[in-house]
């Protein structure tokens, strides 16, 4: 996933990242190719309903927080699927801005390279 690697590199370098994630699991909240800004944050700064970048079973996902417990987050997509509980330490970043959807493929978010 090119956008995941881009996000992780930008987050490591500056604490923020501006990316265009690809995929349909967040449709209705974040469209495929829509620009989003991610920022490093503390687990205490995350609320139910926030879109977050997290580690999950060897992958990195952009998903929603559905529930919060003392030590973990319940994550899932925006299509009704619940992935499961993750430790709060697997939080990478929080979506702090979602760009406007102007067209099917925005000029500032080029199509992914194959």
PDB file of N, CA and C in Angstrom:
ATOM      1  N   UNK A   1       0.829  -1.181   0.000  1.00  0.00           N
ATOM      2  CA  UNK A   1       0.000   0.000   0.000  1.00  0.00           C
ATOM      3  C   UNK A   1       0.870   1.239   0.000  1.00  0.00           C
ATOM      4  N   UNK A   2       0.936   1.896  -1.128  1.00  0.00           N
ATOM      5  CA  UNK A   2       1.762   3.076  -1.250  1.00  0.00           C
ATOM      6  C   UNK A   2       1.347   4.198  -0.319  1.00  0.00           C
ATOM      7  N   UNK A   3       0.035   4.427  -0.162  1.00  0.00           N
ATOM      8  CA  UNK A   3      -0.401   5.532   0.686  1.00  0.00           C
ATOM      9  C   UNK A   3      -0.071   5.280   2.153  1.00  0.00           C
ATOM     10  N   UNK A   4      -0.070   4.016   2.579  1.00  0.00           N
ATOM     11  CA  UNK A   4       0.291   3.700   3.969  1.00  0.00           C
ATOM     12  C   UNK A   4       1.756   4.020   4.203  1.00  0.00           C
ATOM     13  N   UNK A   5       2.616   3.584   3.292  1.00  0.00           N
ATOM     14  CA  UNK A   5       4.048   3.866   3.433  1.00  0.00           C
ATOM     15  C   UNK A   5       4.311   5.367   3.418  1.00  0.00           C
ATOM     16  N   UNK A   6       3.618   6.095   2.538  1.00  0.00           N
ATOM     17  CA  UNK A   6       3.753   7.559   2.495  1.00  0.00           C
ATOM     18  C   UNK A   6       3.335   8.172   3.824  1.00  0.00           C
ATOM     19  N   UNK A   7       2.212   7.713   4.364  1.00  0.00           N
ATOM     20  CA  UNK A   7       1.712   8.253   5.630  1.00  0.00           C
ATOM     21  C   UNK A   7       2.694   7.994   6.766  1.00  0.00           C
ATOM     22  N   UNK A   8       3.184   6.774   6.864  1.00  0.00           N
ATOM     23  CA  UNK A   8       4.111   6.436   7.942  1.00  0.00           C
ATOM     24  C   UNK A   8       5.402   7.242   7.843  1.00  0.00           C
ATOM     25  N   UNK A   9       5.909   7.419   6.625  1.00  0.00           N
ATOM     26  CA  UNK A   9       7.138   8.207   6.441  1.00  0.00           C
ATOM     27  C   UNK A   9       6.919   9.666   6.832  1.00  0.00           C
ATOM     28  N   UNK A  10       5.807  10.251   6.395  1.00  0.00           N
ATOM     29  CA  UNK A  10       5.516  11.646   6.732  1.00  0.00           C
ATOM     30  C   UNK A  10       5.282  11.821   8.233  1.00  0.00           C
ATOM     31  N   UNK A  11       4.573  10.877   8.846  1.00  0.00           N
ATOM     32  CA  UNK A  11       4.323  10.954  10.280  1.00  0.00           C
ATOM     33  C   UNK A  11       5.621  10.849  11.071  1.00  0.00           C
ATOM     34  N   UNK A  12       6.522   9.974  10.630  1.00  0.00           N
ATOM     35  CA  UNK A  12       7.824   9.842  11.302  1.00  0.00           C
ATOM     36  C   UNK A  12       8.651  11.113  11.170  1.00  0.00           C
ATOM     37  N   UNK A  13       8.559  11.752  10.006  1.00  0.00           N
ATOM     38  CA  UNK A  13       9.375  12.942   9.753  1.00  0.00           C
ATOM     39  C   UNK A  13       8.837  14.192  10.459  1.00  0.00           C
ATOM     40  N   UNK A  14       7.507  14.364  10.470  1.00  0.00           N
ATOM     41  CA  UNK A  14       6.985  15.640  10.962  1.00  0.00           C
ATOM     42  C   UNK A  14       5.839  15.538  11.965  1.00  0.00           C
ATOM     43  N   UNK A  15       5.302  14.353  12.163  1.00  0.00           N
ATOM     44  CA  UNK A  15       4.163  14.201  13.069  1.00  0.00           C
ATOM     45  C   UNK A  15       2.819  14.393  12.394  1.00  0.00           C
ATOM     46  N   UNK A  16       2.833  14.830  11.125  1.00  0.00           N
ATOM     47  CA  UNK A  16       1.600  14.963  10.348  1.00  0.00           C
ATOM     48  C   UNK A  16       1.816  14.357   8.971  1.00  0.00           C
ATOM     49  N   UNK A  17       0.717  14.033   8.310  1.00  0.00           N
ATOM     50  CA  UNK A  17       0.792  13.488   6.957  1.00  0.00           C
ATOM     51  C   UNK A  17      -0.450  13.908   6.188  1.00  0.00           C
ATOM     52  N   UNK A  18      -0.275  14.204   4.911  1.00  0.00           N
ATOM     53  CA  UNK A  18      -1.379  14.505   4.011  1.00  0.00           C
ATOM     54  C   UNK A  18      -1.372  13.428   2.935  1.00  0.00           C
ATOM     55  N   UNK A  19      -2.414  12.596   2.935  1.00  0.00           N
ATOM     56  CA  UNK A  19      -2.441  11.430   2.055  1.00  0.00           C
ATOM     57  C   UNK A  19      -3.779  11.304   1.353  1.00  0.00           C
ATOM     58  N   UNK A  20      -3.810  10.425   0.359  1.00  0.00           N
ATOM     59  CA  UNK A  20      -5.036  10.098  -0.371  1.00  0.00           C
ATOM     60  C   UNK A  20      -5.242   8.588  -0.298  1.00  0.00           C
ATOM     61  N   UNK A  21      -5.850   8.106   0.785  1.00  0.00           N
ATOM     62  CA  UNK A  21      -6.016   6.655   0.931  1.00  0.00           C
ATOM     63  C   UNK A  21      -6.931   6.073  -0.138  1.00  0.00           C
ATOM     64  N   UNK A  22      -6.651   4.849  -0.515  1.00  0.00           N
ATOM     65  CA  UNK A  22      -7.440   4.137  -1.514  1.00  0.00           C
ATOM     66  C   UNK A  22      -8.219   3.017  -0.844  1.00  0.00           C
ATOM     67  N   UNK A  23      -9.435   2.788  -1.287  1.00  0.00           N
ATOM     68  CA  UNK A  23     -10.245   1.696  -0.760  1.00  0.00           C
ATOM     69  C   UNK A  23     -11.654   2.163  -0.470  1.00  0.00           C
ATOM     70  N   UNK A  24     -12.553   1.219  -0.253  1.00  0.00           N
ATOM     71  CA  UNK A  24     -13.959   1.553  -0.078  1.00  0.00           C
ATOM     72  C   UNK A  24     -14.511   1.341   1.316  1.00  0.00           C
ATOM     73  N   UNK A  25     -13.682   0.903   2.268  1.00  0.00           N
ATOM     74  CA  UNK A  25     -14.220   0.556   3.584  1.00  0.00           C
ATOM     75  C   UNK A  25     -14.690   1.753   4.396  1.00  0.00           C
ATOM     76  N   UNK A  26     -14.263   2.957   4.018  1.00  0.00           N
ATOM     77  CA  UNK A  26     -14.658   4.159   4.767  1.00  0.00           C
ATOM     78  C   UNK A  26     -15.619   5.039   3.972  1.00  0.00           C
ATOM     79  N   UNK A  27     -16.156   4.494   2.852  1.00  0.00           N
ATOM     80  CA  UNK A  27     -17.106   5.240   2.023  1.00  0.00           C
ATOM     81  C   UNK A  27     -18.188   5.879   2.863  1.00  0.00           C
ATOM     82  N   UNK A  28     -18.520   7.111   2.531  1.00  0.00           N
ATOM     83  CA  UNK A  28     -19.510   7.848   3.283  1.00  0.00           C
ATOM     84  C   UNK A  28     -18.875   8.740   4.334  1.00  0.00           C
ATOM     85  N   UNK A  29     -17.676   8.416   4.707  1.00  0.00           N
ATOM     86  CA  UNK A  29     -16.892   9.228   5.657  1.00  0.00           C
ATOM     87  C   UNK A  29     -15.659   9.772   4.945  1.00  0.00           C
ATOM     88  N   UNK A  30     -14.917   8.867   4.341  1.00  0.00           N
ATOM     89  CA  UNK A  30     -13.736   9.212   3.541  1.00  0.00           C
ATOM     90  C   UNK A  30     -13.835   8.407   2.250  1.00  0.00           C
ATOM     91  N   UNK A  31     -13.896   9.091   1.127  1.00  0.00           N
ATOM     92  CA  UNK A  31     -13.996   8.412  -0.159  1.00  0.00           C
ATOM     93  C   UNK A  31     -12.617   7.977  -0.637  1.00  0.00           C
ATOM     94  N   UNK A  32     -12.567   6.937  -1.444  1.00  0.00           N
ATOM     95  CA  UNK A  32     -11.300   6.470  -1.994  1.00  0.00           C
ATOM     96  C   UNK A  32     -10.630   7.600  -2.775  1.00  0.00           C
ATOM     97  N   UNK A  33      -9.396   7.911  -2.419  1.00  0.00           N
ATOM     98  CA  UNK A  33      -8.651   8.958  -3.097  1.00  0.00           C
ATOM     99  C   UNK A  33      -8.865  10.346  -2.539  1.00  0.00           C
ATOM    100  N   UNK A  34      -9.735  10.492  -1.546  1.00  0.00           N
ATOM    101  CA  UNK A  34      -9.990  11.803  -0.951  1.00  0.00           C
ATOM    102  C   UNK A  34      -8.838  12.168  -0.006  1.00  0.00           C
ATOM    103  N   UNK A  35      -8.368  13.398  -0.108  1.00  0.00           N
ATOM    104  CA  UNK A  35      -7.241  13.832   0.725  1.00  0.00           C
ATOM    105  C   UNK A  35      -7.650  13.952   2.188  1.00  0.00           C
ATOM    106  N   UNK A  36      -6.809  13.382   3.061  1.00  0.00           N
ATOM    107  CA  UNK A  36      -7.003  13.517   4.501  1.00  0.00           C
ATOM    108  C   UNK A  36      -5.673  13.918   5.142  1.00  0.00           C
ATOM    109  N   UNK A  37      -5.782  14.591   6.260  1.00  0.00           N
ATOM    110  CA  UNK A  37      -4.604  14.942   7.050  1.00  0.00           C
ATOM    111  C   UNK A  37      -4.632  14.113   8.319  1.00  0.00           C
ATOM    112  N   UNK A  38      -3.491  13.496   8.609  1.00  0.00           N
ATOM    113  CA  UNK A  38      -3.317  12.699   9.818  1.00  0.00           C
ATOM    114  C   UNK A  38      -2.350  13.420  10.741  1.00  0.00           C
ATOM    115  N   UNK A  39      -2.580  13.291  12.038  1.00  0.00           N
ATOM    116  CA  UNK A  39      -1.662  13.863  13.022  1.00  0.00           C
ATOM    117  C   UNK A  39      -1.431  12.852  14.127  1.00  0.00           C
ATOM    118  N   UNK A  40      -0.174  12.769  14.563  1.00  0.00           N
ATOM    119  CA  UNK A  40       0.130  11.935  15.728  1.00  0.00           C
ATOM    120  C   UNK A  40      -0.671  12.476  16.902  1.00  0.00           C
ATOM    121  N   UNK A  41      -1.104  11.591  17.771  1.00  0.00           N
ATOM    122  CA  UNK A  41      -1.876  12.020  18.934  1.00  0.00           C
ATOM    123  C   UNK A  41      -1.707  10.997  20.048  1.00  0.00           C
ATOM    124  N   UNK A  42      -2.179  11.374  21.211  1.00  0.00           N
ATOM    125  CA  UNK A  42      -2.195  10.459  22.350  1.00  0.00           C
ATOM    126  C   UNK A  42      -3.526   9.711  22.354  1.00  0.00           C
ATOM    127  N   UNK A  43      -3.545   8.539  22.937  1.00  0.00           N
ATOM    128  CA  UNK A  43      -4.774   7.754  23.024  1.00  0.00           C
ATOM    129  C   UNK A  43      -5.876   8.534  23.733  1.00  0.00           C
ATOM    130  N   UNK A  44      -5.495   9.380  24.679  1.00  0.00           N
ATOM    131  CA  UNK A  44      -6.473  10.171  25.434  1.00  0.00           C
ATOM    132  C   UNK A  44      -7.180  11.203  24.551  1.00  0.00           C
ATOM    133  N   UNK A  45      -6.598  11.520  23.384  1.00  0.00           N
ATOM    134  CA  UNK A  45      -7.173  12.523  22.486  1.00  0.00           C
ATOM    135  C   UNK A  45      -8.174  11.938  21.496  1.00  0.00           C
ATOM    136  N   UNK A  46      -8.386  10.631  21.551  1.00  0.00           N
ATOM    137  CA  UNK A  46      -9.260   9.940  20.597  1.00  0.00           C
ATOM    138  C   UNK A  46     -10.633   9.722  21.222  1.00  0.00           C
ATOM    139  N   UNK A  47     -11.672   9.946  20.422  1.00  0.00           N
ATOM    140  CA  UNK A  47     -13.052   9.764  20.868  1.00  0.00           C
ATOM    141  C   UNK A  47     -13.776   8.790  19.951  1.00  0.00           C
ATOM    142  N   UNK A  48     -14.879   8.260  20.434  1.00  0.00           N
ATOM    143  CA  UNK A  48     -15.719   7.393  19.606  1.00  0.00           C
ATOM    144  C   UNK A  48     -16.151   8.185  18.377  1.00  0.00           C
ATOM    145  N   UNK A  49     -16.041   7.564  17.215  1.00  0.00           N
ATOM    146  CA  UNK A  49     -16.394   8.209  15.948  1.00  0.00           C
ATOM    147  C   UNK A  49     -15.212   8.783  15.209  1.00  0.00           C
ATOM    148  N   UNK A  50     -14.050   8.910  15.878  1.00  0.00           N
ATOM    149  CA  UNK A  50     -12.863   9.436  15.199  1.00  0.00           C
ATOM    150  C   UNK A  50     -12.341   8.433  14.180  1.00  0.00           C
ATOM    151  N   UNK A  51     -11.860   8.945  13.063  1.00  0.00           N
ATOM    152  CA  UNK A  51     -11.149   8.118  12.078  1.00  0.00           C
ATOM    153  C   UNK A  51      -9.674   8.128  12.476  1.00  0.00           C
ATOM    154  N   UNK A  52      -9.083   6.949  12.504  1.00  0.00           N
ATOM    155  CA  UNK A  52      -7.707   6.802  12.981  1.00  0.00           C
ATOM    156  C   UNK A  52      -6.922   5.854  12.086  1.00  0.00           C
ATOM    157  N   UNK A  53      -5.608   6.023  12.118  1.00  0.00           N
ATOM    158  CA  UNK A  53      -4.690   5.093  11.473  1.00  0.00           C
ATOM    159  C   UNK A  53      -4.142   4.205  12.576  1.00  0.00           C
ATOM    160  N   UNK A  54      -4.317   2.883  12.420  1.00  0.00           N
ATOM    161  CA  UNK A  54      -3.935   1.944  13.478  1.00  0.00           C
ATOM    162  C   UNK A  54      -3.223   0.725  12.901  1.00  0.00           C
ATOM    163  N   UNK A  55      -2.484   0.051  13.778  1.00  0.00           N
ATOM    164  CA  UNK A  55      -1.916  -1.256  13.447  1.00  0.00           C
ATOM    165  C   UNK A  55      -2.968  -2.306  13.800  1.00  0.00           C
ATOM    166  N   UNK A  56      -3.159  -3.278  12.891  1.00  0.00           N
ATOM    167  CA  UNK A  56      -4.136  -4.335  13.140  1.00  0.00           C
ATOM    168  C   UNK A  56      -3.690  -5.606  12.439  1.00  0.00           C
ATOM    169  N   UNK A  57      -3.339  -6.612  13.215  1.00  0.00           N
ATOM    170  CA  UNK A  57      -2.968  -7.935  12.701  1.00  0.00           C
ATOM    171  C   UNK A  57      -1.936  -7.863  11.574  1.00  0.00           C
ATOM    172  N   UNK A  58      -0.879  -7.101  11.782  1.00  0.00           N
ATOM    173  CA  UNK A  58       0.198  -7.007  10.802  1.00  0.00           C
ATOM    174  C   UNK A  58      -0.058  -6.030   9.671  1.00  0.00           C
ATOM    175  N   UNK A  59      -1.185  -5.372   9.686  1.00  0.00           N
ATOM    176  CA  UNK A  59      -1.527  -4.389   8.666  1.00  0.00           C
ATOM    177  C   UNK A  59      -1.689  -3.012   9.299  1.00  0.00           C
ATOM    178  N   UNK A  60      -1.863  -2.014   8.455  1.00  0.00           N
ATOM    179  CA  UNK A  60      -2.187  -0.668   8.903  1.00  0.00           C
ATOM    180  C   UNK A  60      -3.510  -0.287   8.259  1.00  0.00           C
ATOM    181  N   UNK A  61      -4.477   0.109   9.084  1.00  0.00           N
ATOM    182  CA  UNK A  61      -5.822   0.422   8.604  1.00  0.00           C
ATOM    183  C   UNK A  61      -6.219   1.848   8.953  1.00  0.00           C
ATOM    184  N   UNK A  62      -7.015   2.439   8.105  1.00  0.00           N
ATOM    185  CA  UNK A  62      -7.673   3.708   8.388  1.00  0.00           C
ATOM    186  C   UNK A  62      -9.124   3.351   8.694  1.00  0.00           C
ATOM    187  N   UNK A  63      -9.495   3.403   9.981  1.00  0.00           N
ATOM    188  CA  UNK A  63     -10.814   2.961  10.418  1.00  0.00           C
ATOM    189  C   UNK A  63     -11.375   3.894  11.482  1.00  0.00           C
ATOM    190  N   UNK A  64     -12.563   3.563  11.944  1.00  0.00           N
ATOM    191  CA  UNK A  64     -13.243   4.354  12.960  1.00  0.00           C
ATOM    192  C   UNK A  64     -13.123   3.715  14.338  1.00  0.00           C
ATOM    193  N   UNK A  65     -13.162   4.568  15.349  1.00  0.00           N
ATOM    194  CA  UNK A  65     -13.238   4.095  16.729  1.00  0.00           C
ATOM    195  C   UNK A  65     -14.712   3.895  17.058  1.00  0.00           C
ATOM    196  N   UNK A  66     -15.074   2.671  17.437  1.00  0.00           N
ATOM    197  CA  UNK A  66     -16.469   2.354  17.763  1.00  0.00           C
ATOM    198  C   UNK A  66     -16.717   2.302  19.269  1.00  0.00           C
ATOM    199  N   UNK A  67     -15.711   1.877  20.026  1.00  0.00           N
ATOM    200  CA  UNK A  67     -15.814   1.841  21.486  1.00  0.00           C
ATOM    201  C   UNK A  67     -14.434   2.060  22.065  1.00  0.00           C
ATOM    202  N   UNK A  68     -14.404   2.499  23.325  1.00  0.00           N
ATOM    203  CA  UNK A  68     -13.142   2.729  24.017  1.00  0.00           C
ATOM    204  C   UNK A  68     -13.237   2.090  25.402  1.00  0.00           C
ATOM    205  N   UNK A  69     -12.198   1.322  25.763  1.00  0.00           N
ATOM    206  CA  UNK A  69     -12.096   0.794  27.120  1.00  0.00           C
ATOM    207  C   UNK A  69     -10.836   1.380  27.759  1.00  0.00           C
ATOM    208  N   UNK A  70     -10.529   0.966  28.950  1.00  0.00           N
ATOM    209  CA  UNK A  70      -9.357   1.501  29.645  1.00  0.00           C
ATOM    210  C   UNK A  70      -8.067   1.310  28.852  1.00  0.00           C
ATOM    211  N   UNK A  71      -7.930   0.153  28.201  1.00  0.00           N
ATOM    212  CA  UNK A  71      -6.664  -0.162  27.526  1.00  0.00           C
ATOM    213  C   UNK A  71      -6.772  -0.416  26.031  1.00  0.00           C
ATOM    214  N   UNK A  72      -7.969  -0.313  25.478  1.00  0.00           N
ATOM    215  CA  UNK A  72      -8.098  -0.681  24.068  1.00  0.00           C
ATOM    216  C   UNK A  72      -9.195   0.094  23.346  1.00  0.00           C
ATOM    217  N   UNK A  73      -9.129  -0.017  22.002  1.00  0.00           N
ATOM    218  CA  UNK A  73     -10.118   0.589  21.108  1.00  0.00           C
ATOM    219  C   UNK A  73     -10.781  -0.518  20.302  1.00  0.00           C
ATOM    220  N   UNK A  74     -12.085  -0.400  20.082  1.00  0.00           N
ATOM    221  CA  UNK A  74     -12.797  -1.269  19.154  1.00  0.00           C
ATOM    222  C   UNK A  74     -12.854  -0.530  17.831  1.00  0.00           C
ATOM    223  N   UNK A  75     -12.263  -1.126  16.787  1.00  0.00           N
ATOM    224  CA  UNK A  75     -12.209  -0.463  15.488  1.00  0.00           C
ATOM    225  C   UNK A  75     -13.082  -1.181  14.469  1.00  0.00           C
ATOM    226  N   UNK A  76     -13.518  -0.410  13.483  1.00  0.00           N
ATOM    227  CA  UNK A  76     -14.291  -0.966  12.386  1.00  0.00           C
ATOM    228  C   UNK A  76     -14.350   0.042  11.258  1.00  0.00           C
ATOM    229  N   UNK A  77     -14.905  -0.393  10.147  1.00  0.00           N
ATOM    230  CA  UNK A  77     -14.985   0.501   8.998  1.00  0.00           C
ATOM    231  C   UNK A  77     -16.292   1.291   9.023  1.00  0.00           C
ATOM    232  N   UNK A  78     -16.559   2.018   7.982  1.00  0.00           N
ATOM    233  CA  UNK A  78     -17.789   2.814   7.898  1.00  0.00           C
ATOM    234  C   UNK A  78     -18.881   2.081   7.121  1.00  0.00           C
ATOM    235  N   UNK A  79     -18.688   0.795   6.890  1.00  0.00           N
ATOM    236  CA  UNK A  79     -19.661  -0.001   6.137  1.00  0.00           C
ATOM    237  C   UNK A  79     -20.345  -1.034   7.028  1.00  0.00           C
ATOM    238  N   UNK A  80     -20.089  -0.956   8.354  1.00  0.00           N
ATOM    239  CA  UNK A  80     -20.755  -1.868   9.275  1.00  0.00           C
ATOM    240  C   UNK A  80     -19.908  -3.010   9.794  1.00  0.00           C
ATOM    241  N   UNK A  81     -18.681  -3.163   9.288  1.00  0.00           N
ATOM    242  CA  UNK A  81     -17.816  -4.250   9.755  1.00  0.00           C
ATOM    243  C   UNK A  81     -17.040  -3.806  10.990  1.00  0.00           C
ATOM    244  N   UNK A  82     -17.053  -4.645  12.010  1.00  0.00           N
ATOM    245  CA  UNK A  82     -16.242  -4.428  13.206  1.00  0.00           C
ATOM    246  C   UNK A  82     -15.040  -5.369  13.100  1.00  0.00           C
ATOM    247  N   UNK A  83     -13.830  -4.804  13.159  1.00  0.00           N
ATOM    248  CA  UNK A  83     -12.625  -5.616  13.051  1.00  0.00           C
ATOM    249  C   UNK A  83     -12.239  -6.262  14.376  1.00  0.00           C
ATOM    250  N   UNK A  84     -12.362  -5.511  15.473  1.00  0.00           N
ATOM    251  CA  UNK A  84     -12.017  -6.063  16.775  1.00  0.00           C
ATOM    252  C   UNK A  84     -11.304  -5.039  17.647  1.00  0.00           C
ATOM    253  N   UNK A  85     -10.889  -5.509  18.805  1.00  0.00           N
ATOM    254  CA  UNK A  85     -10.220  -4.660  19.783  1.00  0.00           C
ATOM    255  C   UNK A  85      -8.727  -4.615  19.520  1.00  0.00           C
ATOM    256  N   UNK A  86      -8.145  -3.434  19.671  1.00  0.00           N
ATOM    257  CA  UNK A  86      -6.698  -3.267  19.559  1.00  0.00           C
ATOM    258  C   UNK A  86      -6.201  -2.560  20.816  1.00  0.00           C
ATOM    259  N   UNK A  87      -4.959  -2.838  21.222  1.00  0.00           N
ATOM    260  CA  UNK A  87      -4.406  -2.082  22.348  1.00  0.00           C
ATOM    261  C   UNK A  87      -4.229  -0.613  21.962  1.00  0.00           C
ATOM    262  N   UNK A  88      -4.389   0.263  22.914  1.00  0.00           N
ATOM    263  CA  UNK A  88      -4.234   1.689  22.626  1.00  0.00           C
ATOM    264  C   UNK A  88      -2.855   2.007  22.068  1.00  0.00           C
ATOM    265  N   UNK A  89      -1.874   1.175  22.379  1.00  0.00           N
ATOM    266  CA  UNK A  89      -0.516   1.387  21.859  1.00  0.00           C
ATOM    267  C   UNK A  89      -0.424   1.179  20.354  1.00  0.00           C
ATOM    268  N   UNK A  90      -1.445   0.585  19.724  1.00  0.00           N
ATOM    269  CA  UNK A  90      -1.451   0.377  18.268  1.00  0.00           C
ATOM    270  C   UNK A  90      -2.033   1.565  17.506  1.00  0.00           C
ATOM    271  N   UNK A  91      -2.404   2.609  18.215  1.00  0.00           N
ATOM    272  CA  UNK A  91      -2.829   3.855  17.574  1.00  0.00           C
ATOM    273  C   UNK A  91      -1.613   4.525  16.949  1.00  0.00           C
ATOM    274  N   UNK A  92      -1.719   4.893  15.678  1.00  0.00           N
ATOM    275  CA  UNK A  92      -0.625   5.584  14.987  1.00  0.00           C
ATOM    276  C   UNK A  92      -0.937   7.070  14.871  1.00  0.00           C
ATOM    277  N   UNK A  93      -2.127   7.409  14.384  1.00  0.00           N
ATOM    278  CA  UNK A  93      -2.480   8.813  14.164  1.00  0.00           C
ATOM    279  C   UNK A  93      -3.991   8.950  14.053  1.00  0.00           C
ATOM    280  N   UNK A  94      -4.434  10.182  14.128  1.00  0.00           N
ATOM    281  CA  UNK A  94      -5.855  10.518  14.040  1.00  0.00           C
ATOM    282  C   UNK A  94      -6.079  11.398  12.812  1.00  0.00           C
ATOM    283  N   UNK A  95      -7.200  11.211  12.120  1.00  0.00           N
ATOM    284  CA  UNK A  95      -7.567  12.085  11.015  1.00  0.00           C
ATOM    285  C   UNK A  95      -8.002  13.424  11.605  1.00  0.00           C
ATOM    286  N   UNK A  96      -7.310  14.492  11.191  1.00  0.00           N
ATOM    287  CA  UNK A  96      -7.617  15.821  11.716  1.00  0.00           C
ATOM    288  C   UNK A  96      -8.285  16.715  10.678  1.00  0.00           C
ATOM    289  N   UNK A  97      -8.261  16.280   9.426  1.00  0.00           N
ATOM    290  CA  UNK A  97      -8.922  17.052   8.373  1.00  0.00           C
ATOM    291  C   UNK A  97      -9.272  16.125   7.215  1.00  0.00           C
ATOM    292  N   UNK A  98     -10.459  16.325   6.662  1.00  0.00           N
ATOM    293  CA  UNK A  98     -10.900  15.576   5.485  1.00  0.00           C
ATOM    294  C   UNK A  98     -11.193  16.593   4.396  1.00  0.00           C
ATOM    295  N   UNK A  99     -10.531  16.432   3.252  1.00  0.00           N
ATOM    296  CA  UNK A  99     -10.713  17.361   2.137  1.00  0.00           C
ATOM    297  C   UNK A  99     -12.074  17.212   1.485  1.00  0.00           C
ATOM    298  N   UNK A 100     -12.449  18.243   0.731  1.00  0.00           N
ATOM    299  CA  UNK A 100     -13.716  18.210  -0.002  1.00  0.00           C
ATOM    300  C   UNK A 100     -13.627  17.201  -1.143  1.00  0.00           C
ATOM    301  N   UNK A 101     -14.749  16.603  -1.458  1.00  0.00           N
ATOM    302  CA  UNK A 101     -14.844  15.744  -2.631  1.00  0.00           C
ATOM    303  C   UNK A 101     -15.299  16.635  -3.776  1.00  0.00           C
ATOM    304  N   UNK A 102     -14.386  16.888  -4.720  1.00  0.00           N
ATOM    305  CA  UNK A 102     -14.712  17.790  -5.827  1.00  0.00           C
ATOM    306  C   UNK A 102     -15.055  17.042  -7.102  1.00  0.00           C
ATOM    307  N   UNK A 103     -14.454  15.901  -7.268  1.00  0.00           N
ATOM    308  CA  UNK A 103     -14.728  15.081  -8.442  1.00  0.00           C
ATOM    309  C   UNK A 103     -14.386  13.650  -8.085  1.00  0.00           C
ATOM    310  N   UNK A 104     -14.650  12.747  -9.027  1.00  0.00           N
ATOM    311  CA  UNK A 104     -14.334  11.356  -8.757  1.00  0.00           C
ATOM    312  C   UNK A 104     -12.852  11.161  -8.467  1.00  0.00           C
ATOM    313  N   UNK A 105     -11.987  11.848  -9.172  1.00  0.00           N
ATOM    314  CA  UNK A 105     -10.548  11.782  -8.922  1.00  0.00           C
ATOM    315  C   UNK A 105     -10.008  13.203  -8.859  1.00  0.00           C
ATOM    316  N   UNK A 106      -9.707  13.662  -7.680  1.00  0.00           N
ATOM    317  CA  UNK A 106      -9.237  15.024  -7.466  1.00  0.00           C
ATOM    318  C   UNK A 106      -7.891  15.260  -8.149  1.00  0.00           C
ATOM    319  N   UNK A 107      -7.665  16.487  -8.569  1.00  0.00           N
ATOM    320  CA  UNK A 107      -6.397  16.848  -9.203  1.00  0.00           C
ATOM    321  C   UNK A 107      -5.220  16.668  -8.248  1.00  0.00           C
ATOM    322  N   UNK A 108      -5.408  16.961  -6.949  1.00  0.00           N
ATOM    323  CA  UNK A 108      -4.287  16.862  -6.027  1.00  0.00           C
ATOM    324  C   UNK A 108      -4.094  15.459  -5.475  1.00  0.00           C
ATOM    325  N   UNK A 109      -4.958  14.515  -5.827  1.00  0.00           N
ATOM    326  CA  UNK A 109      -4.812  13.123  -5.448  1.00  0.00           C
ATOM    327  C   UNK A 109      -4.791  12.285  -6.732  1.00  0.00           C
ATOM    328  N   UNK A 110      -3.648  12.132  -7.340  1.00  0.00           N
ATOM    329  CA  UNK A 110      -3.585  11.395  -8.599  1.00  0.00           C
ATOM    330  C   UNK A 110      -3.939   9.935  -8.409  1.00  0.00           C
ATOM    331  N   UNK A 111      -4.355   9.263  -9.479  1.00  0.00           N
ATOM    332  CA  UNK A 111      -4.682   7.847  -9.363  1.00  0.00           C
ATOM    333  C   UNK A 111      -3.457   7.065  -8.916  1.00  0.00           C
ATOM    334  N   UNK A 112      -3.670   5.953  -8.186  1.00  0.00           N
ATOM    335  CA  UNK A 112      -2.526   5.163  -7.745  1.00  0.00           C
ATOM    336  C   UNK A 112      -1.785   4.563  -8.914  1.00  0.00           C
ATOM    337  N   UNK A 113      -0.479   4.444  -8.740  1.00  0.00           N
ATOM    338  CA  UNK A 113       0.340   3.835  -9.792  1.00  0.00           C
ATOM    339  C   UNK A 113       0.226   2.334  -9.681  1.00  0.00           C
ATOM    340  N   UNK A 114       0.109   1.659 -10.803  1.00  0.00           N
ATOM    341  CA  UNK A 114      -0.017   0.204 -10.818  1.00  0.00           C
ATOM    342  C   UNK A 114       1.307  -0.467 -11.041  1.00  0.00           C
TER     343      UNK A 114
END
